[in-house]
Amino acid sequence: MKRILVPLLALSAALTLQSAQAVDGEALFKSKTCVACHMVDAKMVGPGYKEVAAKYAGQADASATLVKSIKEGSTGKWGPIAMPANQVTDEEAKTLADWILTLK
């Protein structure tokens, strides 16, 4: 019984953490200026976040790349319109990047 219970509890904890992170990321997205240019499902001024997640899927440095773009801004990755730097903490940028990468 213990052999089954311990892994089951570990899996449950991992899934709960992932769900909490997704909710935190979405709430953070909605509370920041990201919503002025981005949507989850469609292009607005900038790309939809599902498109961003698809572009970076499977890349080992995807989160770090997105964190840098969120914090410093970027030019030319998604067309001629530049993304300005955002006033977010390192932790907020990481939360946003990790949340974006969960979208499908």
Protein backbone atom coordinates (compact mmCIF):
# COMPACT_ATOMS: atom_id res chain seq x y z
CA MET A 1 0.00 0.00 0.00
CA LYS A 2 2.83 2.43 0.88
CA ARG A 3 4.49 1.72 -2.47
CA ILE A 4 1.45 3.09 -4.25
CA LEU A 5 0.51 5.84 -1.81
CA VAL A 6 3.83 7.74 -1.78
CA PRO A 7 4.13 8.12 -5.59
CA LEU A 8 0.44 8.98 -5.80
CA LEU A 9 0.87 11.76 -3.24
CA ALA A 10 3.95 13.06 -5.04
CA LEU A 11 2.07 13.14 -8.35
CA SER A 12 -0.87 14.90 -6.74
CA ALA A 13 1.43 17.55 -5.26
CA ALA A 14 3.15 18.11 -8.61
CA LEU A 15 -0.16 18.53 -10.44
CA THR A 16 -1.45 20.92 -7.79
CA LEU A 17 1.71 23.03 -8.06
CA GLN A 18 1.45 23.13 -11.85
CA SER A 19 -2.23 24.18 -11.66
CA ALA A 20 -1.44 26.89 -9.10
CA GLN A 21 1.37 28.20 -11.29
CA ALA A 22 -0.94 28.37 -14.31
CA VAL A 23 -3.54 30.32 -12.33
CA ASP A 24 -0.88 32.67 -10.92
CA GLY A 25 0.55 33.26 -14.39
CA GLU A 26 -2.83 34.05 -15.88
CA ALA A 27 -3.74 36.38 -13.03
CA LEU A 28 -0.37 38.11 -13.35
CA PHE A 29 -0.85 38.46 -17.12
CA LYS A 30 -4.23 40.10 -16.57
CA SER A 31 -2.80 42.48 -13.96
CA LYS A 32 0.08 43.74 -16.11
CA THR A 33 0.27 45.79 -19.29
CA CYS A 34 0.77 42.57 -21.29
CA VAL A 35 -2.98 42.61 -22.01
CA ALA A 36 -2.60 45.83 -24.01
CA CYS A 37 -0.76 43.96 -26.79
CA HIS A 38 -1.25 40.22 -26.24
CA MET A 39 -4.09 37.72 -26.10
CA VAL A 40 -3.86 34.05 -25.26
CA ASP A 41 -5.49 32.66 -28.41
CA ALA A 42 -4.96 35.27 -31.11
CA LYS A 43 -2.60 37.90 -32.45
CA MET A 44 -3.31 41.43 -31.33
CA VAL A 45 -0.41 43.89 -31.55
CA GLY A 46 1.92 41.08 -30.49
CA PRO A 47 1.55 37.35 -31.03
CA GLY A 48 -0.95 35.24 -29.14
CA TYR A 49 0.66 33.42 -26.24
CA LYS A 50 -0.30 30.01 -27.62
CA GLU A 51 1.71 30.87 -30.73
CA VAL A 52 4.64 31.92 -28.53
CA ALA A 53 4.42 28.64 -26.61
CA ALA A 54 4.41 26.67 -29.88
CA LYS A 55 7.46 28.55 -31.20
CA TYR A 56 9.52 27.77 -28.11
CA ALA A 57 8.17 24.26 -27.40
CA GLY A 58 10.97 21.80 -26.71
CA GLN A 59 13.70 24.42 -26.43
CA ALA A 60 15.77 23.95 -23.28
CA ASP A 61 16.32 27.70 -22.82
CA ALA A 62 12.75 28.74 -23.67
CA SER A 63 11.89 30.09 -20.24
CA ALA A 64 15.12 32.10 -19.95
CA THR A 65 14.62 33.48 -23.48
CA LEU A 66 11.09 34.63 -22.67
CA VAL A 67 12.14 36.09 -19.31
CA LYS A 68 14.77 38.18 -21.09
CA SER A 69 12.27 39.39 -23.71
CA ILE A 70 9.69 40.22 -21.03
CA LYS A 71 12.19 42.18 -18.93
CA GLU A 72 14.25 43.85 -21.68
CA GLY A 73 11.84 43.93 -24.61
CA SER A 74 12.64 42.63 -28.08
CA THR A 75 12.72 43.65 -31.72
CA GLY A 76 12.20 41.63 -34.88
CA LYS A 77 11.20 38.28 -33.36
CA TRP A 78 7.54 38.60 -34.38
CA GLY A 79 7.60 41.33 -37.01
CA PRO A 80 8.45 45.00 -37.23
CA ILE A 81 6.71 46.16 -34.04
CA ALA A 82 9.07 46.19 -31.07
CA MET A 83 8.02 44.88 -27.68
CA PRO A 84 8.98 47.35 -24.96
CA ALA A 85 10.65 46.34 -21.72
CA ASN A 86 8.19 45.58 -18.94
CA GLN A 87 8.31 46.76 -15.38
CA VAL A 88 8.21 43.34 -13.73
CA THR A 89 10.38 41.63 -11.16
CA ASP A 90 12.57 38.68 -12.10
CA GLU A 91 10.09 36.41 -10.29
CA GLU A 92 7.10 37.88 -12.15
CA ALA A 93 8.88 37.52 -15.51
CA LYS A 94 9.68 33.87 -14.70
CA THR A 95 6.08 33.20 -13.65
CA LEU A 96 4.78 34.75 -16.87
CA ALA A 97 7.28 32.90 -19.06
CA ASP A 98 6.57 29.54 -17.43
CA TRP A 99 2.82 30.10 -17.70
CA ILE A 100 3.06 31.04 -21.39
CA LEU A 101 5.00 27.85 -22.08
CA THR A 102 2.18 25.74 -20.58
CA LEU A 103 -0.34 27.00 -23.13
CA LYS A 104 -1.34 24.74 -25.99
